[in-house]
Amino acid sequence: MKIKKHTANPRIKINGSNLKICIVLPYFNDEIGLELLENAKKELLSHKVKEKNIKIFRVSGALEIPFACKKIIKKEKPSAIIALGVIIRGETSHYDLVCEETYRGIMDIQLNAEIPISFGIITCENINQAKNRASEEGLNKGKDAALAALIQTSL
């Protein structure tokens, strides 16, 4: 199945010049994760977020993202956090546990802290799906996660 190139909504105009955005990215599935990061940063910069106001935090894997978000909120006091990453289904139930606990942890933290955390974590069946969802020519989930974070800061 061929997926059309992602196009941003031209009606969404956000001036991010006063925003402080933190991005959490695991080392696991690093090549695809770095593509998500690159696309997220491009989107933030296109909305005038200053490069010096974009901080990147690396963690081991997806399960470490919620704890990192909690610590970042306390220490950095960001306008929003973008959680990026890639979880690919394997042969065991580990995939389901990682996805569920990562989602739950992120949701709990953002609701308790009242700081938006955009969920840019790709969950998929195989490496090809992950690559398509991360690429600029595909679904571009890094870009989507950045835009979601920017929109949430205006609430």
N, C-alpha and C. Protein backbone atom coordinates (compact mmCIF):
# COMPACT_ATOMS: atom_id res chain seq x y z
N MET A 1 0.84 -1.17 0.00
CA MET A 1 0.00 0.00 0.00
C MET A 1 0.88 1.24 0.00
N LYS A 2 0.68 2.10 -0.95
CA LYS A 2 1.45 3.35 -1.07
C LYS A 2 0.72 4.45 -0.31
N ILE A 3 1.46 5.15 0.53
CA ILE A 3 0.88 6.23 1.32
C ILE A 3 1.29 7.55 0.71
N LYS A 4 0.33 8.45 0.56
CA LYS A 4 0.60 9.76 -0.01
C LYS A 4 1.54 10.55 0.89
N LYS A 5 2.29 11.44 0.25
CA LYS A 5 3.17 12.32 1.00
C LYS A 5 2.34 13.19 1.94
N HIS A 6 2.87 13.37 3.12
CA HIS A 6 2.19 14.16 4.15
C HIS A 6 2.26 15.64 3.80
N THR A 7 1.13 16.31 3.91
CA THR A 7 1.13 17.76 3.71
C THR A 7 0.55 18.41 4.94
N ALA A 8 1.22 19.44 5.41
CA ALA A 8 0.78 20.15 6.61
C ALA A 8 -0.46 20.97 6.31
N ASN A 9 -1.23 21.24 7.33
CA ASN A 9 -2.40 22.08 7.20
C ASN A 9 -1.94 23.54 7.10
N PRO A 10 -2.14 24.19 5.94
CA PRO A 10 -1.63 25.55 5.78
C PRO A 10 -2.36 26.57 6.66
N ARG A 11 -3.50 26.22 7.23
CA ARG A 11 -4.24 27.15 8.08
C ARG A 11 -3.65 27.27 9.47
N ILE A 12 -2.82 26.31 9.86
CA ILE A 12 -2.24 26.33 11.20
C ILE A 12 -1.01 27.22 11.20
N LYS A 13 -1.14 28.36 11.84
CA LYS A 13 -0.02 29.32 11.94
C LYS A 13 0.24 29.54 13.42
N ILE A 14 1.38 29.08 13.88
CA ILE A 14 1.75 29.21 15.28
C ILE A 14 3.10 29.90 15.35
N ASN A 15 3.17 30.94 16.15
CA ASN A 15 4.45 31.61 16.37
C ASN A 15 5.07 31.01 17.63
N GLY A 16 6.06 30.17 17.43
CA GLY A 16 6.70 29.48 18.55
C GLY A 16 7.92 30.18 19.09
N SER A 17 8.10 31.45 18.77
CA SER A 17 9.33 32.14 19.14
C SER A 17 9.55 32.24 20.66
N ASN A 18 8.49 32.14 21.43
CA ASN A 18 8.63 32.22 22.90
C ASN A 18 8.48 30.87 23.58
N LEU A 19 8.44 29.80 22.80
CA LEU A 19 8.22 28.47 23.36
C LEU A 19 9.54 27.75 23.65
N LYS A 20 9.49 26.95 24.69
CA LYS A 20 10.61 26.08 25.05
C LYS A 20 10.11 24.65 24.88
N ILE A 21 10.70 23.94 23.93
CA ILE A 21 10.24 22.59 23.59
C ILE A 21 11.35 21.59 23.92
N CYS A 22 10.98 20.53 24.62
CA CYS A 22 11.91 19.44 24.91
C CYS A 22 11.48 18.21 24.13
N ILE A 23 12.44 17.48 23.64
CA ILE A 23 12.18 16.26 22.87
C ILE A 23 12.88 15.10 23.56
N VAL A 24 12.14 14.02 23.77
CA VAL A 24 12.70 12.80 24.35
C VAL A 24 12.77 11.75 23.25
N LEU A 25 13.95 11.17 23.08
CA LEU A 25 14.16 10.18 22.03
C LEU A 25 15.00 9.02 22.54
N PRO A 26 14.48 7.79 22.45
CA PRO A 26 15.27 6.63 22.85
C PRO A 26 16.39 6.32 21.85
N TYR A 27 17.41 5.64 22.34
CA TYR A 27 18.48 5.14 21.47
C TYR A 27 18.02 3.90 20.69
N PHE A 28 17.04 3.19 21.22
CA PHE A 28 16.55 1.97 20.58
C PHE A 28 15.94 2.32 19.23
N ASN A 29 16.23 1.56 18.19
CA ASN A 29 15.79 1.86 16.81
C ASN A 29 16.25 3.27 16.41
N ASP A 30 17.52 3.53 16.66
CA ASP A 30 18.08 4.87 16.56
C ASP A 30 18.00 5.49 15.16
N GLU A 31 18.25 4.72 14.12
CA GLU A 31 18.25 5.29 12.77
C GLU A 31 16.89 5.91 12.43
N ILE A 32 15.83 5.19 12.72
CA ILE A 32 14.49 5.71 12.44
C ILE A 32 14.15 6.82 13.42
N GLY A 33 14.55 6.66 14.66
CA GLY A 33 14.31 7.69 15.66
C GLY A 33 14.95 9.01 15.29
N LEU A 34 16.16 8.96 14.75
CA LEU A 34 16.84 10.19 14.36
C LEU A 34 16.14 10.88 13.19
N GLU A 35 15.51 10.10 12.32
CA GLU A 35 14.72 10.70 11.24
C GLU A 35 13.48 11.40 11.82
N LEU A 36 12.84 10.77 12.80
CA LEU A 36 11.72 11.42 13.48
C LEU A 36 12.16 12.74 14.10
N LEU A 37 13.32 12.71 14.75
CA LEU A 37 13.86 13.90 15.39
C LEU A 37 14.12 15.01 14.38
N GLU A 38 14.75 14.67 13.28
CA GLU A 38 15.06 15.66 12.25
C GLU A 38 13.77 16.32 11.72
N ASN A 39 12.77 15.50 11.46
CA ASN A 39 11.50 16.04 10.95
C ASN A 39 10.77 16.89 11.98
N ALA A 40 10.84 16.48 13.25
CA ALA A 40 10.22 17.27 14.32
C ALA A 40 10.90 18.63 14.45
N LYS A 41 12.23 18.62 14.43
CA LYS A 41 12.97 19.88 14.55
C LYS A 41 12.67 20.82 13.38
N LYS A 42 12.61 20.28 12.17
CA LYS A 42 12.28 21.10 10.99
C LYS A 42 10.93 21.79 11.19
N GLU A 43 9.96 21.04 11.69
CA GLU A 43 8.62 21.60 11.90
C GLU A 43 8.65 22.68 12.96
N LEU A 44 9.34 22.44 14.05
CA LEU A 44 9.43 23.45 15.11
C LEU A 44 10.08 24.73 14.58
N LEU A 45 11.17 24.58 13.86
CA LEU A 45 11.88 25.74 13.32
C LEU A 45 11.01 26.50 12.30
N SER A 46 10.20 25.77 11.55
CA SER A 46 9.32 26.42 10.57
C SER A 46 8.24 27.26 11.24
N HIS A 47 7.99 27.00 12.52
CA HIS A 47 7.03 27.79 13.30
C HIS A 47 7.74 28.73 14.26
N LYS A 48 8.98 29.07 13.92
CA LYS A 48 9.76 30.09 14.62
C LYS A 48 10.22 29.72 16.03
N VAL A 49 10.19 28.42 16.37
CA VAL A 49 10.79 28.01 17.64
C VAL A 49 12.30 28.18 17.48
N LYS A 50 12.92 28.86 18.41
CA LYS A 50 14.37 29.10 18.34
C LYS A 50 15.12 27.81 18.62
N GLU A 51 16.16 27.59 17.83
CA GLU A 51 16.95 26.36 18.00
C GLU A 51 17.48 26.23 19.43
N LYS A 52 17.86 27.34 20.04
CA LYS A 52 18.38 27.29 21.42
C LYS A 52 17.28 26.90 22.42
N ASN A 53 16.01 26.99 22.01
CA ASN A 53 14.89 26.62 22.88
C ASN A 53 14.37 25.21 22.61
N ILE A 54 15.12 24.45 21.82
CA ILE A 54 14.78 23.05 21.56
C ILE A 54 15.86 22.20 22.24
N LYS A 55 15.46 21.43 23.23
CA LYS A 55 16.41 20.58 23.95
C LYS A 55 16.07 19.12 23.70
N ILE A 56 17.11 18.35 23.44
CA ILE A 56 16.96 16.92 23.16
C ILE A 56 17.46 16.12 24.35
N PHE A 57 16.66 15.15 24.77
CA PHE A 57 17.04 14.26 25.86
C PHE A 57 16.95 12.83 25.33
N ARG A 58 18.03 12.08 25.50
CA ARG A 58 18.07 10.70 25.03
C ARG A 58 17.87 9.74 26.20
N VAL A 59 17.11 8.68 25.94
CA VAL A 59 16.87 7.63 26.92
C VAL A 59 17.15 6.28 26.26
N SER A 60 17.15 5.24 27.06
CA SER A 60 17.47 3.90 26.55
C SER A 60 16.39 3.38 25.59
N GLY A 61 15.15 3.33 26.07
CA GLY A 61 14.06 2.78 25.27
C GLY A 61 12.75 3.48 25.58
N ALA A 62 11.68 2.99 24.99
CA ALA A 62 10.37 3.62 25.14
C ALA A 62 9.87 3.63 26.58
N LEU A 63 10.13 2.58 27.32
CA LEU A 63 9.64 2.52 28.70
C LEU A 63 10.28 3.58 29.60
N GLU A 64 11.40 4.11 29.19
CA GLU A 64 12.07 5.14 29.98
C GLU A 64 11.55 6.54 29.67
N ILE A 65 10.74 6.69 28.64
CA ILE A 65 10.24 8.01 28.24
C ILE A 65 9.39 8.67 29.33
N PRO A 66 8.40 8.00 29.92
CA PRO A 66 7.59 8.68 30.93
C PRO A 66 8.39 9.25 32.10
N PHE A 67 9.34 8.49 32.62
CA PHE A 67 10.16 8.98 33.73
C PHE A 67 10.97 10.20 33.29
N ALA A 68 11.54 10.12 32.09
CA ALA A 68 12.31 11.26 31.57
C ALA A 68 11.42 12.49 31.45
N CYS A 69 10.21 12.33 30.96
CA CYS A 69 9.27 13.46 30.82
C CYS A 69 8.99 14.09 32.18
N LYS A 70 8.77 13.25 33.17
CA LYS A 70 8.49 13.76 34.52
C LYS A 70 9.66 14.59 35.05
N LYS A 71 10.89 14.10 34.88
CA LYS A 71 12.07 14.82 35.34
C LYS A 71 12.29 16.11 34.54
N ILE A 72 12.05 16.04 33.24
CA ILE A 72 12.22 17.22 32.37
C ILE A 72 11.26 18.33 32.77
N ILE A 73 10.02 17.98 33.06
CA ILE A 73 9.03 18.97 33.47
C ILE A 73 9.50 19.70 34.73
N LYS A 74 10.00 18.95 35.70
CA LYS A 74 10.48 19.57 36.95
C LYS A 74 11.69 20.46 36.71
N LYS A 75 12.64 19.97 35.93
CA LYS A 75 13.91 20.67 35.77
C LYS A 75 13.85 21.79 34.73
N GLU A 76 13.23 21.53 33.58
CA GLU A 76 13.29 22.46 32.45
C GLU A 76 12.08 23.39 32.34
N LYS A 77 10.95 22.99 32.91
CA LYS A 77 9.71 23.76 32.81
C LYS A 77 9.39 24.13 31.35
N PRO A 78 9.25 23.12 30.48
CA PRO A 78 9.04 23.38 29.06
C PRO A 78 7.60 23.81 28.75
N SER A 79 7.42 24.41 27.59
CA SER A 79 6.07 24.71 27.10
C SER A 79 5.38 23.43 26.69
N ALA A 80 6.15 22.49 26.15
CA ALA A 80 5.64 21.18 25.73
C ALA A 80 6.81 20.22 25.58
N ILE A 81 6.48 18.93 25.59
CA ILE A 81 7.45 17.88 25.34
C ILE A 81 6.96 17.07 24.14
N ILE A 82 7.90 16.66 23.32
CA ILE A 82 7.59 15.76 22.21
C ILE A 82 8.28 14.44 22.51
N ALA A 83 7.49 13.39 22.66
CA ALA A 83 8.03 12.05 22.90
C ALA A 83 8.10 11.33 21.56
N LEU A 84 9.30 11.00 21.14
CA LEU A 84 9.51 10.29 19.88
C LEU A 84 10.03 8.89 20.15
N GLY A 85 9.93 8.02 19.17
CA GLY A 85 10.48 6.69 19.31
C GLY A 85 9.84 5.71 18.35
N VAL A 86 10.32 4.48 18.40
CA VAL A 86 9.84 3.43 17.50
C VAL A 86 9.71 2.14 18.30
N ILE A 87 8.51 1.57 18.27
CA ILE A 87 8.29 0.26 18.90
C ILE A 87 7.79 -0.67 17.81
N ILE A 88 8.56 -1.72 17.53
CA ILE A 88 8.21 -2.67 16.47
C ILE A 88 7.85 -4.00 17.11
N ARG A 89 6.73 -4.57 16.65
CA ARG A 89 6.26 -5.84 17.21
C ARG A 89 7.30 -6.94 16.99
N GLY A 90 7.52 -7.71 18.02
CA GLY A 90 8.41 -8.87 17.93
C GLY A 90 7.60 -10.14 18.02
N GLU A 91 8.21 -11.18 18.51
CA GLU A 91 7.56 -12.49 18.58
C GLU A 91 6.92 -12.77 19.93
N THR A 92 7.00 -11.82 20.87
CA THR A 92 6.45 -12.05 22.21
C THR A 92 5.45 -10.95 22.56
N SER A 93 4.85 -11.06 23.72
CA SER A 93 3.89 -10.05 24.18
C SER A 93 4.56 -8.79 24.70
N HIS A 94 5.88 -8.76 24.67
CA HIS A 94 6.64 -7.60 25.15
C HIS A 94 6.17 -6.32 24.45
N TYR A 95 5.91 -6.40 23.16
CA TYR A 95 5.45 -5.24 22.37
C TYR A 95 4.21 -4.61 23.00
N ASP A 96 3.22 -5.42 23.30
CA ASP A 96 1.97 -4.92 23.88
C ASP A 96 2.21 -4.25 25.22
N LEU A 97 3.05 -4.84 26.05
CA LEU A 97 3.35 -4.27 27.35
C LEU A 97 4.08 -2.93 27.23
N VAL A 98 5.06 -2.87 26.36
CA VAL A 98 5.82 -1.63 26.17
C VAL A 98 4.91 -0.52 25.65
N CYS A 99 4.10 -0.83 24.64
CA CYS A 99 3.19 0.18 24.09
C CYS A 99 2.21 0.69 25.15
N GLU A 100 1.56 -0.23 25.82
CA GLU A 100 0.54 0.15 26.80
C GLU A 100 1.12 0.97 27.95
N GLU A 101 2.23 0.52 28.50
CA GLU A 101 2.80 1.23 29.65
C GLU A 101 3.41 2.57 29.25
N THR A 102 3.96 2.66 28.07
CA THR A 102 4.51 3.93 27.60
C THR A 102 3.38 4.94 27.38
N TYR A 103 2.33 4.52 26.71
CA TYR A 103 1.17 5.39 26.49
C TYR A 103 0.60 5.86 27.83
N ARG A 104 0.35 4.91 28.72
CA ARG A 104 -0.26 5.23 30.01
C ARG A 104 0.62 6.18 30.81
N GLY A 105 1.91 5.90 30.84
CA GLY A 105 2.82 6.74 31.60
C GLY A 105 2.85 8.17 31.09
N ILE A 106 2.92 8.33 29.79
CA ILE A 106 2.94 9.67 29.19
C ILE A 106 1.63 10.39 29.47
N MET A 107 0.52 9.70 29.31
CA MET A 107 -0.78 10.34 29.54
C MET A 107 -0.93 10.77 31.00
N ASP A 108 -0.55 9.91 31.93
CA ASP A 108 -0.64 10.25 33.35
C ASP A 108 0.20 11.47 33.69
N ILE A 109 1.40 11.52 33.17
CA ILE A 109 2.30 12.64 33.49
C ILE A 109 1.77 13.95 32.93
N GLN A 110 1.32 13.94 31.67
CA GLN A 110 0.86 15.21 31.11
C GLN A 110 -0.41 15.70 31.78
N LEU A 111 -1.28 14.82 32.18
CA LEU A 111 -2.50 15.24 32.85
C LEU A 111 -2.20 15.76 34.26
N ASN A 112 -1.30 15.10 34.97
CA ASN A 112 -0.95 15.54 36.32
C ASN A 112 -0.14 16.83 36.31
N ALA A 113 0.78 16.96 35.38
CA ALA A 113 1.66 18.14 35.34
C ALA A 113 1.04 19.31 34.56
N GLU A 114 0.02 19.02 33.79
CA GLU A 114 -0.63 20.02 32.94
C GLU A 114 0.37 20.66 31.96
N ILE A 115 1.25 19.82 31.45
CA ILE A 115 2.19 20.19 30.39
C ILE A 115 1.93 19.22 29.24
N PRO A 116 1.70 19.74 28.03
CA PRO A 116 1.41 18.83 26.92
C PRO A 116 2.62 17.97 26.56
N ILE A 117 2.36 16.69 26.34
CA ILE A 117 3.36 15.76 25.84
C ILE A 117 2.79 15.14 24.57
N SER A 118 3.39 15.48 23.46
CA SER A 118 2.93 14.98 22.17
C SER A 118 3.49 13.58 21.96
N PHE A 119 2.63 12.67 21.53
CA PHE A 119 3.01 11.26 21.38
C PHE A 119 3.44 11.00 19.94
N GLY A 120 4.74 11.07 19.70
CA GLY A 120 5.29 10.80 18.38
C GLY A 120 6.02 9.48 18.35
N ILE A 121 5.48 8.50 19.03
CA ILE A 121 6.09 7.18 19.08
C ILE A 121 5.39 6.28 18.08
N ILE A 122 6.14 5.80 17.14
CA ILE A 122 5.60 4.91 16.12
C ILE A 122 5.46 3.51 16.71
N THR A 123 4.28 2.93 16.59
CA THR A 123 4.06 1.55 16.99
C THR A 123 3.62 0.81 15.73
N CYS A 124 4.37 -0.21 15.35
CA CYS A 124 4.06 -0.86 14.08
C CYS A 124 4.47 -2.33 14.08
N GLU A 125 4.13 -2.97 13.00
CA GLU A 125 4.35 -4.41 12.86
C GLU A 125 5.75 -4.78 12.38
N ASN A 126 6.37 -3.90 11.58
CA ASN A 126 7.67 -4.25 11.00
C ASN A 126 8.48 -3.00 10.68
N ILE A 127 9.72 -3.21 10.30
CA ILE A 127 10.65 -2.13 10.05
C ILE A 127 10.22 -1.26 8.86
N ASN A 128 9.63 -1.88 7.85
CA ASN A 128 9.18 -1.10 6.68
C ASN A 128 8.08 -0.12 7.05
N GLN A 129 7.14 -0.55 7.86
CA GLN A 129 6.10 0.37 8.34
C GLN A 129 6.73 1.50 9.14
N ALA A 130 7.68 1.18 9.98
CA ALA A 130 8.33 2.21 10.79
C ALA A 130 9.03 3.23 9.91
N LYS A 131 9.77 2.77 8.93
CA LYS A 131 10.48 3.68 8.02
C LYS A 131 9.50 4.58 7.28
N ASN A 132 8.39 4.02 6.82
CA ASN A 132 7.40 4.82 6.09
C ASN A 132 6.77 5.87 6.99
N ARG A 133 6.51 5.52 8.21
CA ARG A 133 5.87 6.47 9.13
C ARG A 133 6.83 7.56 9.60
N ALA A 134 8.11 7.29 9.55
CA ALA A 134 9.10 8.27 10.00
C ALA A 134 9.57 9.20 8.88
N SER A 135 9.47 8.75 7.65
CA SER A 135 10.10 9.48 6.55
C SER A 135 9.34 10.74 6.17
N GLU A 136 10.08 11.65 5.59
CA GLU A 136 9.50 12.90 5.11
C GLU A 136 8.55 12.64 3.96
N GLU A 137 8.81 11.61 3.18
CA GLU A 137 7.95 11.27 2.05
C GLU A 137 6.73 10.45 2.48
N GLY A 138 6.79 9.85 3.65
CA GLY A 138 5.70 9.01 4.14
C GLY A 138 4.76 9.80 5.04
N LEU A 139 4.37 9.20 6.14
CA LEU A 139 3.43 9.85 7.06
C LEU A 139 4.06 10.96 7.88
N ASN A 140 5.37 10.92 8.05
CA ASN A 140 6.12 11.99 8.73
C ASN A 140 5.61 12.25 10.15
N LYS A 141 5.66 11.21 10.97
CA LYS A 141 5.15 11.30 12.34
C LYS A 141 5.96 12.25 13.22
N GLY A 142 7.20 12.49 12.92
CA GLY A 142 7.97 13.48 13.67
C GLY A 142 7.39 14.87 13.48
N LYS A 143 7.07 15.19 12.26
CA LYS A 143 6.45 16.48 11.93
C LYS A 143 5.09 16.60 12.62
N ASP A 144 4.29 15.54 12.53
CA ASP A 144 2.97 15.55 13.16
C ASP A 144 3.06 15.75 14.66
N ALA A 145 4.02 15.09 15.30
CA ALA A 145 4.17 15.21 16.76
C ALA A 145 4.58 16.63 17.14
N ALA A 146 5.45 17.24 16.35
CA ALA A 146 5.86 18.61 16.63
C ALA A 146 4.69 19.57 16.48
N LEU A 147 3.92 19.41 15.43
CA LEU A 147 2.77 20.27 15.21
C LEU A 147 1.73 20.09 16.32
N ALA A 148 1.50 18.86 16.74
CA ALA A 148 0.56 18.60 17.84
C ALA A 148 1.01 19.31 19.12
N ALA A 149 2.30 19.25 19.40
CA ALA A 149 2.84 19.92 20.59
C ALA A 149 2.62 21.42 20.50
N LEU A 150 2.89 22.00 19.35
CA LEU A 150 2.69 23.45 19.17
C LEU A 150 1.24 23.84 19.35
N ILE A 151 0.35 23.06 18.79
CA ILE A 151 -1.09 23.36 18.93
C ILE A 151 -1.50 23.31 20.40
N GLN A 152 -1.02 22.31 21.12
CA GLN A 152 -1.38 22.15 22.53
C GLN A 152 -0.89 23.32 23.39
N THR A 153 0.20 23.97 22.98
CA THR A 153 0.71 25.09 23.78
C THR A 153 -0.21 26.29 23.73
N SER A 154 -1.10 26.33 22.76
CA SER A 154 -1.99 27.48 22.62
C SER A 154 -3.29 27.33 23.42
N LEU A 155 -3.46 26.20 24.10
CA LEU A 155 -4.69 25.98 24.87
C LEU A 155 -4.70 26.78 26.17
